[in-house]
């Protein structure tokens, strides 16, 4: 079943809610986890690399037969990320977005891009599910959303890795993403995770786009990442940024 073809929305306290998934996981657990991640057994807040709206979920029972590609835990561990605004807008409107249709929601679009990338074999965690809830009454002009992905086993993000192979592989991974025509909207050191084998994994595809072949947009990804490196780990970046660029060029 394609995510777009699933059942109509169901009513919840938040309003009318849409759920997209591949049918691999227990649907009731998906609803519960996306609507109330902090209330799930074993839930803990992820405080790094985001806006404080992500939760690590560790269900006590295995709920799927085939969770993950290599690089992701064999145990059922997940990340539920609720969509949040940053900057000035986030002070007055933390989590509501203008409603223009279910398949136009940020959750659905990110789910589809990540799903496509994972099917291509790119080092991206295959998304488990995404949900969008349209408000009630006057609130029906807006929606709130969340996405559920597998937890990636990693040694740290790019900024915490001081060896060349990790940075070289990060460049290779970004090059593969661009060769597939995928543009990452927020490529920074926090969204590049390095596993025990020095493989680089990309996360957080909110506002990412498929079918991009404009070299200026793709180069903009690298420019954004360079600014992140200069801000977070400038001394390390002086030595290792050329290594990342070498990995990107050699793919």
C-alpha atoms as a PDB file:
ATOM      1  CA  UNK A   1       0.000   0.000   0.000  1.00  0.00           C
ATOM      2  CA  UNK A   2       1.324   3.421  -0.906  1.00  0.00           C
ATOM      3  CA  UNK A   3       1.341   5.953   1.961  1.00  0.00           C
ATOM      4  CA  UNK A   4      -0.840   8.329  -0.070  1.00  0.00           C
ATOM      5  CA  UNK A   5      -3.527   5.642  -0.437  1.00  0.00           C
ATOM      6  CA  UNK A   6      -4.025   4.789   3.222  1.00  0.00           C
ATOM      7  CA  UNK A   7      -7.260   5.142   5.191  1.00  0.00           C
ATOM      8  CA  UNK A   8      -8.921   8.534   5.777  1.00  0.00           C
ATOM      9  CA  UNK A   9      -7.885  10.512   8.838  1.00  0.00           C
ATOM     10  CA  UNK A  10      -9.143   9.620  12.267  1.00  0.00           C
ATOM     11  CA  UNK A  11     -10.301  12.034  14.938  1.00  0.00           C
ATOM     12  CA  UNK A  12      -8.092  12.692  17.928  1.00  0.00           C
ATOM     13  CA  UNK A  13      -7.913  15.291  20.668  1.00  0.00           C
ATOM     14  CA  UNK A  14      -5.767  17.408  18.340  1.00  0.00           C
ATOM     15  CA  UNK A  15      -8.299  17.207  15.484  1.00  0.00           C
ATOM     16  CA  UNK A  16      -8.318  15.182  12.279  1.00  0.00           C
ATOM     17  CA  UNK A  17      -5.043  13.226  12.002  1.00  0.00           C
ATOM     18  CA  UNK A  18      -3.422  11.550   8.987  1.00  0.00           C
ATOM     19  CA  UNK A  19      -0.938   8.698   9.387  1.00  0.00           C
ATOM     20  CA  UNK A  20       1.494   7.476   6.717  1.00  0.00           C
ATOM     21  CA  UNK A  21       3.481   4.255   7.056  1.00  0.00           C
ATOM     22  CA  UNK A  22       4.444   1.107   5.165  1.00  0.00           C
ATOM     23  CA  UNK A  23       2.268  -1.335   7.092  1.00  0.00           C
ATOM     24  CA  UNK A  24       5.292  -2.954   8.737  1.00  0.00           C
ATOM     25  CA  UNK A  25       4.545  -1.756  12.252  1.00  0.00           C
ATOM     26  CA  UNK A  26       1.596  -2.031  14.609  1.00  0.00           C
ATOM     27  CA  UNK A  27      -0.667   0.875  13.679  1.00  0.00           C
ATOM     28  CA  UNK A  28      -2.014   1.468  17.178  1.00  0.00           C
ATOM     29  CA  UNK A  29       1.552   1.766  18.482  1.00  0.00           C
ATOM     30  CA  UNK A  30       2.348   4.266  15.727  1.00  0.00           C
ATOM     31  CA  UNK A  31      -0.640   6.431  16.601  1.00  0.00           C
ATOM     32  CA  UNK A  32       0.252   6.347  20.287  1.00  0.00           C
ATOM     33  CA  UNK A  33       3.938   7.096  19.731  1.00  0.00           C
ATOM     34  CA  UNK A  34       3.378   9.994  17.342  1.00  0.00           C
ATOM     35  CA  UNK A  35       0.551  11.610  19.300  1.00  0.00           C
ATOM     36  CA  UNK A  36       2.205  11.269  22.698  1.00  0.00           C
ATOM     37  CA  UNK A  37       5.899  10.318  22.434  1.00  0.00           C
ATOM     38  CA  UNK A  38       6.784  11.598  25.903  1.00  0.00           C
ATOM     39  CA  UNK A  39       4.160   9.310  27.403  1.00  0.00           C
ATOM     40  CA  UNK A  40       5.619   6.109  25.950  1.00  0.00           C
ATOM     41  CA  UNK A  41       7.447   3.609  28.193  1.00  0.00           C
ATOM     42  CA  UNK A  42      11.173   4.183  28.017  1.00  0.00           C
ATOM     43  CA  UNK A  43      10.857   7.614  26.354  1.00  0.00           C
ATOM     44  CA  UNK A  44      13.666  10.122  26.887  1.00  0.00           C
ATOM     45  CA  UNK A  45      14.140  13.595  25.451  1.00  0.00           C
ATOM     46  CA  UNK A  46      16.968  14.141  22.962  1.00  0.00           C
ATOM     47  CA  UNK A  47      18.521  17.456  23.894  1.00  0.00           C
ATOM     48  CA  UNK A  48      21.322  17.784  21.328  1.00  0.00           C
ATOM     49  CA  UNK A  49      21.302  18.989  17.728  1.00  0.00           C
ATOM     50  CA  UNK A  50      17.729  20.228  17.595  1.00  0.00           C
ATOM     51  CA  UNK A  51      15.021  22.350  19.181  1.00  0.00           C
ATOM     52  CA  UNK A  52      14.195  20.034  22.071  1.00  0.00           C
ATOM     53  CA  UNK A  53      11.276  18.375  20.281  1.00  0.00           C
ATOM     54  CA  UNK A  54      12.730  14.910  19.693  1.00  0.00           C
ATOM     55  CA  UNK A  55      12.211  11.805  21.794  1.00  0.00           C
ATOM     56  CA  UNK A  56      14.067   8.502  21.914  1.00  0.00           C
ATOM     57  CA  UNK A  57      11.602   5.617  22.270  1.00  0.00           C
ATOM     58  CA  UNK A  58      12.599   2.157  23.487  1.00  0.00           C
ATOM     59  CA  UNK A  59       9.551  -0.146  23.390  1.00  0.00           C
ATOM     60  CA  UNK A  60       9.801  -3.226  25.582  1.00  0.00           C
ATOM     61  CA  UNK A  61       8.533  -5.541  22.843  1.00  0.00           C
ATOM     62  CA  UNK A  62       9.760  -6.070  19.291  1.00  0.00           C
ATOM     63  CA  UNK A  63       7.007  -4.715  17.044  1.00  0.00           C
ATOM     64  CA  UNK A  64       8.467  -5.394  13.626  1.00  0.00           C
ATOM     65  CA  UNK A  65      10.237  -8.278  11.991  1.00  0.00           C
ATOM     66  CA  UNK A  66      12.712  -6.264   9.932  1.00  0.00           C
ATOM     67  CA  UNK A  67      13.487  -2.868  11.394  1.00  0.00           C
ATOM     68  CA  UNK A  68      16.697  -1.686   9.989  1.00  0.00           C
ATOM     69  CA  UNK A  69      19.581  -1.633   7.523  1.00  0.00           C
ATOM     70  CA  UNK A  70      23.115  -1.933   8.870  1.00  0.00           C
ATOM     71  CA  UNK A  71      24.163   0.974  11.034  1.00  0.00           C
ATOM     72  CA  UNK A  72      20.841   1.046  12.878  1.00  0.00           C
ATOM     73  CA  UNK A  73      20.243  -0.782  16.123  1.00  0.00           C
ATOM     74  CA  UNK A  74      18.907  -4.340  15.911  1.00  0.00           C
ATOM     75  CA  UNK A  75      16.864  -3.549  19.040  1.00  0.00           C
ATOM     76  CA  UNK A  76      13.652  -1.571  18.491  1.00  0.00           C
ATOM     77  CA  UNK A  77      14.832   1.947  19.266  1.00  0.00           C
ATOM     78  CA  UNK A  78      13.235   4.934  17.540  1.00  0.00           C
ATOM     79  CA  UNK A  79      13.292   8.706  17.351  1.00  0.00           C
ATOM     80  CA  UNK A  80      10.054  10.687  17.297  1.00  0.00           C
ATOM     81  CA  UNK A  81      10.611  14.261  16.187  1.00  0.00           C
ATOM     82  CA  UNK A  82       7.841  16.819  16.544  1.00  0.00           C
ATOM     83  CA  UNK A  83       8.053  19.690  14.075  1.00  0.00           C
ATOM     84  CA  UNK A  84       9.033  22.971  15.723  1.00  0.00           C
ATOM     85  CA  UNK A  85       9.793  26.455  14.474  1.00  0.00           C
ATOM     86  CA  UNK A  86      13.015  28.247  15.340  1.00  0.00           C
ATOM     87  CA  UNK A  87      14.051  31.874  15.562  1.00  0.00           C
ATOM     88  CA  UNK A  88      11.638  34.731  16.196  1.00  0.00           C
ATOM     89  CA  UNK A  89       8.668  32.901  14.664  1.00  0.00           C
ATOM     90  CA  UNK A  90       9.150  30.065  17.125  1.00  0.00           C
ATOM     91  CA  UNK A  91       8.532  32.459  20.014  1.00  0.00           C
ATOM     92  CA  UNK A  92       5.029  33.293  18.858  1.00  0.00           C
ATOM     93  CA  UNK A  93       4.092  30.087  17.018  1.00  0.00           C
ATOM     94  CA  UNK A  94       6.114  27.104  18.167  1.00  0.00           C
ATOM     95  CA  UNK A  95       4.553  24.193  16.299  1.00  0.00           C
ATOM     96  CA  UNK A  96       1.648  25.191  14.040  1.00  0.00           C
ATOM     97  CA  UNK A  97       1.917  25.332  10.245  1.00  0.00           C
ATOM     98  CA  UNK A  98      -0.540  26.576   7.621  1.00  0.00           C
ATOM     99  CA  UNK A  99      -2.781  23.791   6.304  1.00  0.00           C
ATOM    100  CA  UNK A 100      -2.764  23.396   2.504  1.00  0.00           C
ATOM    101  CA  UNK A 101      -3.578  19.688   2.287  1.00  0.00           C
ATOM    102  CA  UNK A 102      -2.412  16.450   3.887  1.00  0.00           C
ATOM    103  CA  UNK A 103       0.217  15.567   1.291  1.00  0.00           C
ATOM    104  CA  UNK A 104       1.636  19.106   1.468  1.00  0.00           C
ATOM    105  CA  UNK A 105       2.457  18.808   5.169  1.00  0.00           C
ATOM    106  CA  UNK A 106       6.090  18.833   6.200  1.00  0.00           C
ATOM    107  CA  UNK A 107       5.694  15.399   7.762  1.00  0.00           C
ATOM    108  CA  UNK A 108       4.415  13.765   4.590  1.00  0.00           C
ATOM    109  CA  UNK A 109       7.020  15.425   2.384  1.00  0.00           C
ATOM    110  CA  UNK A 110       9.905  14.446   4.661  1.00  0.00           C
ATOM    111  CA  UNK A 111       8.570  10.897   4.963  1.00  0.00           C
ATOM    112  CA  UNK A 112       8.481  10.526   1.184  1.00  0.00           C
ATOM    113  CA  UNK A 113      11.975  11.984   0.597  1.00  0.00           C
ATOM    114  CA  UNK A 114      13.569   9.823   3.289  1.00  0.00           C
ATOM    115  CA  UNK A 115      11.700   6.756   2.071  1.00  0.00           C
ATOM    116  CA  UNK A 116      12.968   7.368  -1.459  1.00  0.00           C
ATOM    117  CA  UNK A 117      16.552   7.911  -0.276  1.00  0.00           C
ATOM    118  CA  UNK A 118      16.524   4.738   1.827  1.00  0.00           C
ATOM    119  CA  UNK A 119      15.165   2.699  -1.098  1.00  0.00           C
ATOM    120  CA  UNK A 120      18.090   3.931  -3.187  1.00  0.00           C
ATOM    121  CA  UNK A 121      20.431   2.460  -0.599  1.00  0.00           C
ATOM    122  CA  UNK A 122      21.664   5.800   0.698  1.00  0.00           C
ATOM    123  CA  UNK A 123      22.814   5.931   4.338  1.00  0.00           C
ATOM    124  CA  UNK A 124      19.569   7.452   5.581  1.00  0.00           C
ATOM    125  CA  UNK A 125      17.365   5.843   8.256  1.00  0.00           C
ATOM    126  CA  UNK A 126      14.252   4.483   6.550  1.00  0.00           C
ATOM    127  CA  UNK A 127      11.292   6.354   8.087  1.00  0.00           C
ATOM    128  CA  UNK A 128       8.813   4.331  10.099  1.00  0.00           C
ATOM    129  CA  UNK A 129       5.821   6.669   9.986  1.00  0.00           C
ATOM    130  CA  UNK A 130       4.714  10.296   9.821  1.00  0.00           C
ATOM    131  CA  UNK A 131       1.596  12.039  11.055  1.00  0.00           C
ATOM    132  CA  UNK A 132      -0.116  15.400  10.638  1.00  0.00           C
ATOM    133  CA  UNK A 133      -3.048  16.667  12.739  1.00  0.00           C
ATOM    134  CA  UNK A 134      -5.289  19.447  11.520  1.00  0.00           C
ATOM    135  CA  UNK A 135      -6.774  21.604  14.259  1.00  0.00           C
ATOM    136  CA  UNK A 136     -10.436  22.041  15.121  1.00  0.00           C
ATOM    137  CA  UNK A 137     -12.686  25.015  14.446  1.00  0.00           C
ATOM    138  CA  UNK A 138     -10.674  28.147  13.755  1.00  0.00           C
ATOM    139  CA  UNK A 139      -7.593  26.013  14.317  1.00  0.00           C
ATOM    140  CA  UNK A 140      -8.399  24.046  11.151  1.00  0.00           C
ATOM    141  CA  UNK A 141      -6.281  26.570   9.255  1.00  0.00           C
ATOM    142  CA  UNK A 142      -3.222  25.003  10.878  1.00  0.00           C
ATOM    143  CA  UNK A 143      -1.683  21.618  11.592  1.00  0.00           C
ATOM    144  CA  UNK A 144       0.917  20.029  13.847  1.00  0.00           C
ATOM    145  CA  UNK A 145       3.074  17.099  12.828  1.00  0.00           C
ATOM    146  CA  UNK A 146       5.628  14.482  13.851  1.00  0.00           C
ATOM    147  CA  UNK A 147       7.819  11.840  12.207  1.00  0.00           C
ATOM    148  CA  UNK A 148       9.150   8.524  13.511  1.00  0.00           C
ATOM    149  CA  UNK A 149      12.484   7.075  12.369  1.00  0.00           C
ATOM    150  CA  UNK A 150      14.851   4.328  13.568  1.00  0.00           C
ATOM    151  CA  UNK A 151      17.590   5.351  15.950  1.00  0.00           C
ATOM    152  CA  UNK A 152      20.965   5.358  14.193  1.00  0.00           C
ATOM    153  CA  UNK A 153      23.745   3.773  16.245  1.00  0.00           C
ATOM    154  CA  UNK A 154      26.554   6.305  16.108  1.00  0.00           C
ATOM    155  CA  UNK A 155      29.755   7.314  17.816  1.00  0.00           C
ATOM    156  CA  UNK A 156      28.965  11.010  17.497  1.00  0.00           C
ATOM    157  CA  UNK A 157      28.173  13.719  14.989  1.00  0.00           C
ATOM    158  CA  UNK A 158      30.681  15.029  12.481  1.00  0.00           C
ATOM    159  CA  UNK A 159      31.936  17.761  14.814  1.00  0.00           C
ATOM    160  CA  UNK A 160      33.041  15.181  17.375  1.00  0.00           C
ATOM    161  CA  UNK A 161      35.042  13.071  14.907  1.00  0.00           C
ATOM    162  CA  UNK A 162      38.704  14.026  14.568  1.00  0.00           C
ATOM    163  CA  UNK A 163      39.872  11.300  12.171  1.00  0.00           C
ATOM    164  CA  UNK A 164      40.096  11.747   8.447  1.00  0.00           C
ATOM    165  CA  UNK A 165      38.113   8.694   7.340  1.00  0.00           C
ATOM    166  CA  UNK A 166      34.924   9.959   8.968  1.00  0.00           C
ATOM    167  CA  UNK A 167      35.171  13.293   7.163  1.00  0.00           C
ATOM    168  CA  UNK A 168      36.109  11.664   3.876  1.00  0.00           C
ATOM    169  CA  UNK A 169      33.085   9.354   4.128  1.00  0.00           C
ATOM    170  CA  UNK A 170      30.875  12.307   4.979  1.00  0.00           C
ATOM    171  CA  UNK A 171      31.900  13.879   1.679  1.00  0.00           C
ATOM    172  CA  UNK A 172      31.161  10.623  -0.166  1.00  0.00           C
ATOM    173  CA  UNK A 173      27.720  10.374   1.439  1.00  0.00           C
ATOM    174  CA  UNK A 174      26.793  13.937   0.500  1.00  0.00           C
ATOM    175  CA  UNK A 175      27.978  13.329  -3.065  1.00  0.00           C
ATOM    176  CA  UNK A 176      25.759  10.235  -3.298  1.00  0.00           C
ATOM    177  CA  UNK A 177      22.811  12.240  -2.032  1.00  0.00           C
ATOM    178  CA  UNK A 178      23.390  14.913  -4.654  1.00  0.00           C
ATOM    179  CA  UNK A 179      23.906  12.330  -7.415  1.00  0.00           C
ATOM    180  CA  UNK A 180      20.430  11.029  -6.519  1.00  0.00           C
ATOM    181  CA  UNK A 181      19.028  14.549  -6.969  1.00  0.00           C
ATOM    182  CA  UNK A 182      18.220  15.077  -3.286  1.00  0.00           C
ATOM    183  CA  UNK A 183      18.791  18.478  -1.693  1.00  0.00           C
ATOM    184  CA  UNK A 184      19.100  18.622   2.103  1.00  0.00           C
ATOM    185  CA  UNK A 185      17.638  21.828   3.521  1.00  0.00           C
ATOM    186  CA  UNK A 186      19.663  21.896   6.736  1.00  0.00           C
ATOM    187  CA  UNK A 187      22.992  20.199   6.160  1.00  0.00           C
ATOM    188  CA  UNK A 188      25.031  20.880   9.297  1.00  0.00           C
ATOM    189  CA  UNK A 189      27.449  18.968  11.524  1.00  0.00           C
ATOM    190  CA  UNK A 190      24.636  17.841  13.859  1.00  0.00           C
ATOM    191  CA  UNK A 191      22.760  16.140  11.012  1.00  0.00           C
ATOM    192  CA  UNK A 192      25.721  13.987   9.966  1.00  0.00           C
ATOM    193  CA  UNK A 193      26.160  11.012  12.294  1.00  0.00           C
ATOM    194  CA  UNK A 194      29.231   8.765  12.205  1.00  0.00           C
ATOM    195  CA  UNK A 195      28.866   5.092  13.132  1.00  0.00           C
ATOM    196  CA  UNK A 196      31.468   2.668  14.503  1.00  0.00           C
ATOM    197  CA  UNK A 197      32.661   1.864  10.968  1.00  0.00           C
ATOM    198  CA  UNK A 198      33.190   5.554  10.123  1.00  0.00           C
ATOM    199  CA  UNK A 199      30.152   5.488   7.835  1.00  0.00           C
ATOM    200  CA  UNK A 200      28.348   8.828   7.640  1.00  0.00           C
ATOM    201  CA  UNK A 201      24.551   8.842   8.044  1.00  0.00           C
ATOM    202  CA  UNK A 202      22.346  11.800   7.171  1.00  0.00           C
ATOM    203  CA  UNK A 203      19.291  12.673   9.279  1.00  0.00           C
ATOM    204  CA  UNK A 204      16.618  15.398   9.482  1.00  0.00           C
ATOM    205  CA  UNK A 205      15.214  15.797   5.978  1.00  0.00           C
ATOM    206  CA  UNK A 206      12.622  18.408   6.884  1.00  0.00           C
ATOM    207  CA  UNK A 207      12.026  20.611   3.798  1.00  0.00           C
ATOM    208  CA  UNK A 208      14.385  18.451   1.698  1.00  0.00           C
ATOM    209  CA  UNK A 209      13.581  18.129  -2.002  1.00  0.00           C
ATOM    210  CA  UNK A 210      13.871  15.459  -4.670  1.00  0.00           C
ATOM    211  CA  UNK A 211      14.641  15.919  -8.352  1.00  0.00           C
ATOM    212  CA  UNK A 212      17.152  18.730  -7.825  1.00  0.00           C
ATOM    213  CA  UNK A 213      19.844  19.062 -10.466  1.00  0.00           C
ATOM    214  CA  UNK A 214      20.710  22.753 -10.122  1.00  0.00           C
ATOM    215  CA  UNK A 215      24.428  22.790  -9.217  1.00  0.00           C
ATOM    216  CA  UNK A 216      23.997  26.095  -7.400  1.00  0.00           C
ATOM    217  CA  UNK A 217      21.471  24.597  -4.980  1.00  0.00           C
ATOM    218  CA  UNK A 218      23.619  21.532  -4.397  1.00  0.00           C
ATOM    219  CA  UNK A 219      26.716  23.668  -3.854  1.00  0.00           C
ATOM    220  CA  UNK A 220      24.628  25.633  -1.376  1.00  0.00           C
ATOM    221  CA  UNK A 221      24.408  22.469   0.726  1.00  0.00           C
ATOM    222  CA  UNK A 222      28.188  22.385   1.028  1.00  0.00           C
ATOM    223  CA  UNK A 223      28.359  26.108   1.756  1.00  0.00           C
ATOM    224  CA  UNK A 224      25.829  25.713   4.565  1.00  0.00           C
ATOM    225  CA  UNK A 225      27.788  22.802   5.999  1.00  0.00           C
ATOM    226  CA  UNK A 226      31.011  24.824   5.827  1.00  0.00           C
ATOM    227  CA  UNK A 227      29.377  27.613   7.854  1.00  0.00           C
ATOM    228  CA  UNK A 228      28.308  25.032  10.423  1.00  0.00           C
ATOM    229  CA  UNK A 229      31.855  23.650  10.607  1.00  0.00           C
ATOM    230  CA  UNK A 230      33.307  27.149  11.018  1.00  0.00           C
ATOM    231  CA  UNK A 231      30.859  27.855  13.844  1.00  0.00           C
ATOM    232  CA  UNK A 232      30.975  24.573  15.766  1.00  0.00           C
ATOM    233  CA  UNK A 233      34.458  23.140  15.205  1.00  0.00           C
ATOM    234  CA  UNK A 234      36.601  25.720  13.375  1.00  0.00           C
ATOM    235  CA  UNK A 235      40.008  24.349  14.363  1.00  0.00           C
ATOM    236  CA  UNK A 236      39.111  20.810  13.344  1.00  0.00           C
ATOM    237  CA  UNK A 237      37.546  22.129  10.177  1.00  0.00           C
ATOM    238  CA  UNK A 238      40.740  23.832   9.055  1.00  0.00           C
ATOM    239  CA  UNK A 239      42.408  20.429   8.912  1.00  0.00           C
ATOM    240  CA  UNK A 240      39.537  18.182   7.861  1.00  0.00           C
ATOM    241  CA  UNK A 241      37.298  20.246   5.568  1.00  0.00           C
ATOM    242  CA  UNK A 242      39.623  19.595   2.583  1.00  0.00           C
ATOM    243  CA  UNK A 243      39.330  15.866   3.370  1.00  0.00           C
ATOM    244  CA  UNK A 244      35.534  16.068   3.191  1.00  0.00           C
ATOM    245  CA  UNK A 245      35.756  17.943  -0.114  1.00  0.00           C
ATOM    246  CA  UNK A 246      38.107  15.258  -1.435  1.00  0.00           C
ATOM    247  CA  UNK A 247      35.566  12.569  -0.560  1.00  0.00           C
ATOM    248  CA  UNK A 248      32.838  14.569  -2.284  1.00  0.00           C
ATOM    249  CA  UNK A 249      34.923  15.044  -5.437  1.00  0.00           C
ATOM    250  CA  UNK A 250      36.006  11.406  -5.682  1.00  0.00           C
ATOM    251  CA  UNK A 251      32.500   9.901  -5.689  1.00  0.00           C
END
